[in-house]
Amino acid sequence: MNAAAGRPVAGRRARSLARRLALQALYQLQINPQSWQDTHLQFAADPQAERVDRDYFRALLVAIADNREALDASIARL
């Protein structure tokens, strides 16, 4: 356990992998528009997803999908 962070190193690795998988899923949503739910199911079925924090992965997709228009508008200004 990493005392400074207060959680096991393996848990941090699972979150890191969840962020990586979420980024890949979000890229796919940009290229091939479909519902975030369909994308979630597709990525969750991948064998690589067994090592990720699945709840965190889903939370990332939901948060971004629900705010996509506002996020796109913020990015467009840059």
PDB file of N, CA and C in Angstrom:
ATOM      1  N   MET A   1       0.846  -1.185   0.000  1.00  0.00           N
ATOM      2  CA  MET A   1       0.000   0.000   0.000  1.00  0.00           C
ATOM      3  C   MET A   1       0.882   1.237   0.000  1.00  0.00           C
ATOM      4  N   ASN A   2       0.465   2.203  -0.715  1.00  0.00           N
ATOM      5  CA  ASN A   2       1.154   3.479  -0.724  1.00  0.00           C
ATOM      6  C   ASN A   2       0.546   4.322   0.390  1.00  0.00           C
ATOM      7  N   ALA A   3       1.316   4.506   1.443  1.00  0.00           N
ATOM      8  CA  ALA A   3       0.796   5.213   2.617  1.00  0.00           C
ATOM      9  C   ALA A   3       0.390   6.643   2.296  1.00  0.00           C
ATOM     10  N   ALA A   4       1.115   7.296   1.409  1.00  0.00           N
ATOM     11  CA  ALA A   4       0.810   8.695   1.088  1.00  0.00           C
ATOM     12  C   ALA A   4      -0.562   8.822   0.417  1.00  0.00           C
ATOM     13  N   ALA A   5      -0.862   7.900  -0.449  1.00  0.00           N
ATOM     14  CA  ALA A   5      -2.126   7.964  -1.171  1.00  0.00           C
ATOM     15  C   ALA A   5      -3.259   7.289  -0.400  1.00  0.00           C
ATOM     16  N   GLY A   6      -2.900   6.378   0.523  1.00  0.00           N
ATOM     17  CA  GLY A   6      -3.917   5.717   1.312  1.00  0.00           C
ATOM     18  C   GLY A   6      -4.669   4.627   0.590  1.00  0.00           C
ATOM     19  N   ARG A   7      -4.160   4.164  -0.538  1.00  0.00           N
ATOM     20  CA  ARG A   7      -4.802   3.051  -1.227  1.00  0.00           C
ATOM     21  C   ARG A   7      -3.737   2.178  -1.876  1.00  0.00           C
ATOM     22  N   PRO A   8      -4.062   0.933  -2.156  1.00  0.00           N
ATOM     23  CA  PRO A   8      -3.076   0.020  -2.731  1.00  0.00           C
ATOM     24  C   PRO A   8      -2.587   0.487  -4.093  1.00  0.00           C
ATOM     25  N   VAL A   9      -1.349   0.164  -4.380  1.00  0.00           N
ATOM     26  CA  VAL A   9      -0.772   0.524  -5.681  1.00  0.00           C
ATOM     27  C   VAL A   9      -1.562  -0.133  -6.800  1.00  0.00           C
ATOM     28  N   ALA A  10      -2.021  -1.372  -6.581  1.00  0.00           N
ATOM     29  CA  ALA A  10      -2.802  -2.067  -7.611  1.00  0.00           C
ATOM     30  C   ALA A  10      -4.072  -1.297  -7.944  1.00  0.00           C
ATOM     31  N   GLY A  11      -4.698  -0.652  -6.944  1.00  0.00           N
ATOM     32  CA  GLY A  11      -5.894   0.142  -7.189  1.00  0.00           C
ATOM     33  C   GLY A  11      -5.610   1.345  -8.057  1.00  0.00           C
ATOM     34  N   ARG A  12      -4.455   1.956  -7.838  1.00  0.00           N
ATOM     35  CA  ARG A  12      -4.067   3.097  -8.693  1.00  0.00           C
ATOM     36  C   ARG A  12      -3.826   2.629 -10.108  1.00  0.00           C
ATOM     37  N   ARG A  13      -3.242   1.455 -10.272  1.00  0.00           N
ATOM     38  CA  ARG A  13      -2.982   0.904 -11.609  1.00  0.00           C
ATOM     39  C   ARG A  13      -4.302   0.651 -12.328  1.00  0.00           C
ATOM     40  N   ALA A  14      -5.292   0.128 -11.605  1.00  0.00           N
ATOM     41  CA  ALA A  14      -6.594  -0.150 -12.206  1.00  0.00           C
ATOM     42  C   ALA A  14      -7.265   1.141 -12.663  1.00  0.00           C
ATOM     43  N   ARG A  15      -7.095   2.214 -11.896  1.00  0.00           N
ATOM     44  CA  ARG A  15      -7.667   3.508 -12.293  1.00  0.00           C
ATOM     45  C   ARG A  15      -6.921   4.082 -13.489  1.00  0.00           C
ATOM     46  N   SER A  16      -5.620   3.931 -13.503  1.00  0.00           N
ATOM     47  CA  SER A  16      -4.827   4.404 -14.634  1.00  0.00           C
ATOM     48  C   SER A  16      -5.249   3.682 -15.913  1.00  0.00           C
ATOM     49  N   LEU A  17      -5.431   2.391 -15.818  1.00  0.00           N
ATOM     50  CA  LEU A  17      -5.885   1.624 -16.984  1.00  0.00           C
ATOM     51  C   LEU A  17      -7.300   2.022 -17.377  1.00  0.00           C
ATOM     52  N   ALA A  18      -8.145   2.346 -16.397  1.00  0.00           N
ATOM     53  CA  ALA A  18      -9.509   2.791 -16.693  1.00  0.00           C
ATOM     54  C   ALA A  18      -9.481   4.106 -17.468  1.00  0.00           C
ATOM     55  N   ARG A  19      -8.582   5.014 -17.073  1.00  0.00           N
ATOM     56  CA  ARG A  19      -8.469   6.290 -17.803  1.00  0.00           C
ATOM     57  C   ARG A  19      -7.995   6.055 -19.233  1.00  0.00           C
ATOM     58  N   ARG A  20      -7.046   5.154 -19.408  1.00  0.00           N
ATOM     59  CA  ARG A  20      -6.550   4.838 -20.760  1.00  0.00           C
ATOM     60  C   ARG A  20      -7.661   4.251 -21.614  1.00  0.00           C
ATOM     61  N   LEU A  21      -8.414   3.305 -21.055  1.00  0.00           N
ATOM     62  CA  LEU A  21      -9.501   2.685 -21.792  1.00  0.00           C
ATOM     63  C   LEU A  21     -10.600   3.706 -22.104  1.00  0.00           C
ATOM     64  N   ALA A  22     -10.874   4.607 -21.166  1.00  0.00           N
ATOM     65  CA  ALA A  22     -11.878   5.649 -21.395  1.00  0.00           C
ATOM     66  C   ALA A  22     -11.446   6.572 -22.528  1.00  0.00           C
ATOM     67  N   LEU A  23     -10.180   6.910 -22.570  1.00  0.00           N
ATOM     68  CA  LEU A  23      -9.689   7.756 -23.651  1.00  0.00           C
ATOM     69  C   LEU A  23      -9.878   7.068 -25.002  1.00  0.00           C
ATOM     70  N   GLN A  24      -9.595   5.785 -25.061  1.00  0.00           N
ATOM     71  CA  GLN A  24      -9.803   5.033 -26.300  1.00  0.00           C
ATOM     72  C   GLN A  24     -11.276   4.981 -26.670  1.00  0.00           C
ATOM     73  N   ALA A  25     -12.134   4.781 -25.684  1.00  0.00           N
ATOM     74  CA  ALA A  25     -13.571   4.735 -25.941  1.00  0.00           C
ATOM     75  C   ALA A  25     -14.087   6.087 -26.426  1.00  0.00           C
ATOM     76  N   LEU A  26     -13.590   7.166 -25.820  1.00  0.00           N
ATOM     77  CA  LEU A  26     -14.021   8.505 -26.228  1.00  0.00           C
ATOM     78  C   LEU A  26     -13.542   8.833 -27.640  1.00  0.00           C
ATOM     79  N   TYR A  27     -12.350   8.388 -27.973  1.00  0.00           N
ATOM     80  CA  TYR A  27     -11.864   8.581 -29.342  1.00  0.00           C
ATOM     81  C   TYR A  27     -12.777   7.844 -30.322  1.00  0.00           C
ATOM     82  N   GLN A  28     -13.152   6.638 -29.963  1.00  0.00           N
ATOM     83  CA  GLN A  28     -14.047   5.880 -30.836  1.00  0.00           C
ATOM     84  C   GLN A  28     -15.379   6.589 -30.995  1.00  0.00           C
ATOM     85  N   LEU A  29     -15.881   7.185 -29.925  1.00  0.00           N
ATOM     86  CA  LEU A  29     -17.142   7.931 -30.020  1.00  0.00           C
ATOM     87  C   LEU A  29     -17.022   9.123 -30.969  1.00  0.00           C
ATOM     88  N   GLN A  30     -15.845   9.730 -31.019  1.00  0.00           N
ATOM     89  CA  GLN A  30     -15.626  10.859 -31.937  1.00  0.00           C
ATOM     90  C   GLN A  30     -15.609  10.376 -33.387  1.00  0.00           C
ATOM     91  N   ILE A  31     -14.992   9.229 -33.615  1.00  0.00           N
ATOM     92  CA  ILE A  31     -14.845   8.694 -34.977  1.00  0.00           C
ATOM     93  C   ILE A  31     -16.118   8.007 -35.455  1.00  0.00           C
ATOM     94  N   ASN A  32     -16.742   7.245 -34.567  1.00  0.00           N
ATOM     95  CA  ASN A  32     -17.908   6.441 -34.917  1.00  0.00           C
ATOM     96  C   ASN A  32     -19.020   6.737 -33.912  1.00  0.00           C
ATOM     97  N   PRO A  33     -19.763   7.822 -34.147  1.00  0.00           N
ATOM     98  CA  PRO A  33     -20.788   8.213 -33.183  1.00  0.00           C
ATOM     99  C   PRO A  33     -21.805   7.099 -32.923  1.00  0.00           C
ATOM    100  N   GLN A  34     -21.950   6.768 -31.684  1.00  0.00           N
ATOM    101  CA  GLN A  34     -22.957   5.834 -31.207  1.00  0.00           C
ATOM    102  C   GLN A  34     -23.215   6.193 -29.751  1.00  0.00           C
ATOM    103  N   SER A  35     -24.113   5.515 -29.108  1.00  0.00           N
ATOM    104  CA  SER A  35     -24.397   5.856 -27.717  1.00  0.00           C
ATOM    105  C   SER A  35     -23.209   5.475 -26.836  1.00  0.00           C
ATOM    106  N   TRP A  36     -23.044   6.226 -25.744  1.00  0.00           N
ATOM    107  CA  TRP A  36     -21.951   5.889 -24.830  1.00  0.00           C
ATOM    108  C   TRP A  36     -22.204   4.526 -24.205  1.00  0.00           C
ATOM    109  N   GLN A  37     -23.486   4.140 -24.078  1.00  0.00           N
ATOM    110  CA  GLN A  37     -23.815   2.850 -23.500  1.00  0.00           C
ATOM    111  C   GLN A  37     -23.311   1.706 -24.375  1.00  0.00           C
ATOM    112  N   ASP A  38     -23.503   1.835 -25.695  1.00  0.00           N
ATOM    113  CA  ASP A  38     -23.003   0.801 -26.615  1.00  0.00           C
ATOM    114  C   ASP A  38     -21.479   0.728 -26.580  1.00  0.00           C
ATOM    115  N   THR A  39     -20.855   1.883 -26.533  1.00  0.00           N
ATOM    116  CA  THR A  39     -19.397   1.924 -26.464  1.00  0.00           C
ATOM    117  C   THR A  39     -18.919   1.316 -25.149  1.00  0.00           C
ATOM    118  N   HIS A  40     -19.599   1.640 -24.069  1.00  0.00           N
ATOM    119  CA  HIS A  40     -19.246   1.073 -22.760  1.00  0.00           C
ATOM    120  C   HIS A  40     -19.307  -0.451 -22.803  1.00  0.00           C
ATOM    121  N   LEU A  41     -20.393  -0.999 -23.338  1.00  0.00           N
ATOM    122  CA  LEU A  41     -20.539  -2.455 -23.414  1.00  0.00           C
ATOM    123  C   LEU A  41     -19.436  -3.080 -24.255  1.00  0.00           C
ATOM    124  N   GLN A  42     -19.109  -2.434 -25.360  1.00  0.00           N
ATOM    125  CA  GLN A  42     -18.066  -2.951 -26.238  1.00  0.00           C
ATOM    126  C   GLN A  42     -16.716  -2.992 -25.530  1.00  0.00           C
ATOM    127  N   PHE A  43     -16.352  -1.905 -24.874  1.00  0.00           N
ATOM    128  CA  PHE A  43     -15.053  -1.848 -24.209  1.00  0.00           C
ATOM    129  C   PHE A  43     -15.024  -2.710 -22.941  1.00  0.00           C
ATOM    130  N   ALA A  44     -16.141  -2.802 -22.241  1.00  0.00           N
ATOM    131  CA  ALA A  44     -16.195  -3.622 -21.030  1.00  0.00           C
ATOM    132  C   ALA A  44     -16.051  -5.105 -21.359  1.00  0.00           C
ATOM    133  N   ALA A  45     -16.424  -5.493 -22.574  1.00  0.00           N
ATOM    134  CA  ALA A  45     -16.310  -6.890 -22.990  1.00  0.00           C
ATOM    135  C   ALA A  45     -14.884  -7.252 -23.405  1.00  0.00           C
ATOM    136  N   ASP A  46     -14.041  -6.268 -23.616  1.00  0.00           N
ATOM    137  CA  ASP A  46     -12.656  -6.517 -24.022  1.00  0.00           C
ATOM    138  C   ASP A  46     -11.906  -7.200 -22.880  1.00  0.00           C
ATOM    139  N   PRO A  47     -11.096  -8.224 -23.179  1.00  0.00           N
ATOM    140  CA  PRO A  47     -10.328  -8.899 -22.127  1.00  0.00           C
ATOM    141  C   PRO A  47      -9.436  -7.946 -21.323  1.00  0.00           C
ATOM    142  N   GLN A  48      -8.956  -6.887 -21.936  1.00  0.00           N
ATOM    143  CA  GLN A  48      -8.124  -5.907 -21.238  1.00  0.00           C
ATOM    144  C   GLN A  48      -8.907  -5.226 -20.116  1.00  0.00           C
ATOM    145  N   ALA A  49     -10.219  -5.153 -20.241  1.00  0.00           N
ATOM    146  CA  ALA A  49     -11.051  -4.466 -19.263  1.00  0.00           C
ATOM    147  C   ALA A  49     -11.106  -5.196 -17.924  1.00  0.00           C
ATOM    148  N   GLU A  50     -10.671  -6.428 -17.881  1.00  0.00           N
ATOM    149  CA  GLU A  50     -10.685  -7.167 -16.616  1.00  0.00           C
ATOM    150  C   GLU A  50      -9.738  -6.555 -15.590  1.00  0.00           C
ATOM    151  N   ARG A  51      -8.737  -5.825 -16.044  1.00  0.00           N
ATOM    152  CA  ARG A  51      -7.734  -5.248 -15.147  1.00  0.00           C
ATOM    153  C   ARG A  51      -8.066  -3.819 -14.725  1.00  0.00           C
ATOM    154  N   VAL A  52      -9.124  -3.244 -15.259  1.00  0.00           N
ATOM    155  CA  VAL A  52      -9.420  -1.840 -14.968  1.00  0.00           C
ATOM    156  C   VAL A  52     -10.453  -1.706 -13.860  1.00  0.00           C
ATOM    157  N   ASP A  53     -10.526  -0.525 -13.289  1.00  0.00           N
ATOM    158  CA  ASP A  53     -11.575  -0.184 -12.338  1.00  0.00           C
ATOM    159  C   ASP A  53     -12.814   0.107 -13.177  1.00  0.00           C
ATOM    160  N   ARG A  54     -13.688  -0.871 -13.295  1.00  0.00           N
ATOM    161  CA  ARG A  54     -14.839  -0.765 -14.203  1.00  0.00           C
ATOM    162  C   ARG A  54     -15.809   0.343 -13.802  1.00  0.00           C
ATOM    163  N   ASP A  55     -16.006   0.520 -12.509  1.00  0.00           N
ATOM    164  CA  ASP A  55     -16.912   1.584 -12.049  1.00  0.00           C
ATOM    165  C   ASP A  55     -16.365   2.957 -12.435  1.00  0.00           C
ATOM    166  N   TYR A  56     -15.072   3.127 -12.283  1.00  0.00           N
ATOM    167  CA  TYR A  56     -14.430   4.397 -12.634  1.00  0.00           C
ATOM    168  C   TYR A  56     -14.487   4.625 -14.142  1.00  0.00           C
ATOM    169  N   PHE A  57     -14.240   3.589 -14.911  1.00  0.00           N
ATOM    170  CA  PHE A  57     -14.329   3.659 -16.374  1.00  0.00           C
ATOM    171  C   PHE A  57     -15.715   4.132 -16.797  1.00  0.00           C
ATOM    172  N   ARG A  58     -16.749   3.528 -16.213  1.00  0.00           N
ATOM    173  CA  ARG A  58     -18.126   3.898 -16.553  1.00  0.00           C
ATOM    174  C   ARG A  58     -18.414   5.337 -16.120  1.00  0.00           C
ATOM    175  N   ALA A  59     -17.953   5.698 -14.938  1.00  0.00           N
ATOM    176  CA  ALA A  59     -18.188   7.057 -14.443  1.00  0.00           C
ATOM    177  C   ALA A  59     -17.551   8.100 -15.356  1.00  0.00           C
ATOM    178  N   LEU A  60     -16.367   7.817 -15.856  1.00  0.00           N
ATOM    179  CA  LEU A  60     -15.713   8.744 -16.784  1.00  0.00           C
ATOM    180  C   LEU A  60     -16.530   8.917 -18.061  1.00  0.00           C
ATOM    181  N   LEU A  61     -16.985   7.793 -18.625  1.00  0.00           N
ATOM    182  CA  LEU A  61     -17.773   7.876 -19.856  1.00  0.00           C
ATOM    183  C   LEU A  61     -19.068   8.649 -19.639  1.00  0.00           C
ATOM    184  N   VAL A  62     -19.752   8.368 -18.541  1.00  0.00           N
ATOM    185  CA  VAL A  62     -21.018   9.052 -18.252  1.00  0.00           C
ATOM    186  C   VAL A  62     -20.789  10.554 -18.088  1.00  0.00           C
ATOM    187  N   ALA A  63     -19.783  10.920 -17.296  1.00  0.00           N
ATOM    188  CA  ALA A  63     -19.526  12.342 -17.036  1.00  0.00           C
ATOM    189  C   ALA A  63     -19.207  13.100 -18.310  1.00  0.00           C
ATOM    190  N   ILE A  64     -18.423  12.495 -19.160  1.00  0.00           N
ATOM    191  CA  ILE A  64     -18.032  13.178 -20.399  1.00  0.00           C
ATOM    192  C   ILE A  64     -19.183  13.182 -21.394  1.00  0.00           C
ATOM    193  N   ALA A  65     -19.880  12.068 -21.525  1.00  0.00           N
ATOM    194  CA  ALA A  65     -21.007  12.003 -22.464  1.00  0.00           C
ATOM    195  C   ALA A  65     -22.098  12.991 -22.081  1.00  0.00           C
ATOM    196  N   ASP A  66     -22.366  13.118 -20.788  1.00  0.00           N
ATOM    197  CA  ASP A  66     -23.410  14.033 -20.334  1.00  0.00           C
ATOM    198  C   ASP A  66     -23.033  15.506 -20.543  1.00  0.00           C
ATOM    199  N   ASN A  67     -21.765  15.791 -20.659  1.00  0.00           N
ATOM    200  CA  ASN A  67     -21.290  17.177 -20.799  1.00  0.00           C
ATOM    201  C   ASN A  67     -20.568  17.414 -22.126  1.00  0.00           C
ATOM    202  N   ARG A  68     -20.808  16.559 -23.078  1.00  0.00           N
ATOM    203  CA  ARG A  68     -20.052  16.604 -24.336  1.00  0.00           C
ATOM    204  C   ARG A  68     -20.170  17.941 -25.062  1.00  0.00           C
ATOM    205  N   GLU A  69     -21.363  18.475 -25.163  1.00  0.00           N
ATOM    206  CA  GLU A  69     -21.541  19.729 -25.902  1.00  0.00           C
ATOM    207  C   GLU A  69     -20.779  20.870 -25.238  1.00  0.00           C
ATOM    208  N   ALA A  70     -20.866  20.964 -23.935  1.00  0.00           N
ATOM    209  CA  ALA A  70     -20.147  22.026 -23.200  1.00  0.00           C
ATOM    210  C   ALA A  70     -18.637  21.840 -23.326  1.00  0.00           C
ATOM    211  N   LEU A  71     -18.187  20.615 -23.249  1.00  0.00           N
ATOM    212  CA  LEU A  71     -16.749  20.336 -23.399  1.00  0.00           C
ATOM    213  C   LEU A  71     -16.267  20.693 -24.796  1.00  0.00           C
ATOM    214  N   ASP A  72     -17.027  20.295 -25.811  1.00  0.00           N
ATOM    215  CA  ASP A  72     -16.671  20.610 -27.202  1.00  0.00           C
ATOM    216  C   ASP A  72     -16.624  22.122 -27.411  1.00  0.00           C
ATOM    217  N   ALA A  73     -17.578  22.843 -26.832  1.00  0.00           N
ATOM    218  CA  ALA A  73     -17.592  24.307 -26.972  1.00  0.00           C
ATOM    219  C   ALA A  73     -16.367  24.929 -26.311  1.00  0.00           C
ATOM    220  N   SER A  74     -15.985  24.411 -25.155  1.00  0.00           N
ATOM    221  CA  SER A  74     -14.783  24.934 -24.468  1.00  0.00           C
ATOM    222  C   SER A  74     -13.531  24.669 -25.282  1.00  0.00           C
ATOM    223  N   ILE A  75     -13.441  23.493 -25.849  1.00  0.00           N
ATOM    224  CA  ILE A  75     -12.270  23.131 -26.653  1.00  0.00           C
ATOM    225  C   ILE A  75     -12.231  23.950 -27.933  1.00  0.00           C
ATOM    226  N   ALA A  76     -13.390  24.189 -28.539  1.00  0.00           N
ATOM    227  CA  ALA A  76     -13.457  24.934 -29.802  1.00  0.00           C
ATOM    228  C   ALA A  76     -12.899  26.342 -29.659  1.00  0.00           C
ATOM    229  N   ARG A  77     -13.051  26.936 -28.479  1.00  0.00           N
ATOM    230  CA  ARG A  77     -12.534  28.291 -28.263  1.00  0.00           C
ATOM    231  C   ARG A  77     -11.003  28.325 -28.295  1.00  0.00           C
ATOM    232  N   LEU A  78     -10.377  27.199 -28.012  1.00  0.00           N
ATOM    233  CA  LEU A  78      -8.920  27.147 -28.005  1.00  0.00           C
ATOM    234  C   LEU A  78      -8.395  26.947 -29.396  1.00  0.00           C
TER     235      LEU A  78
END
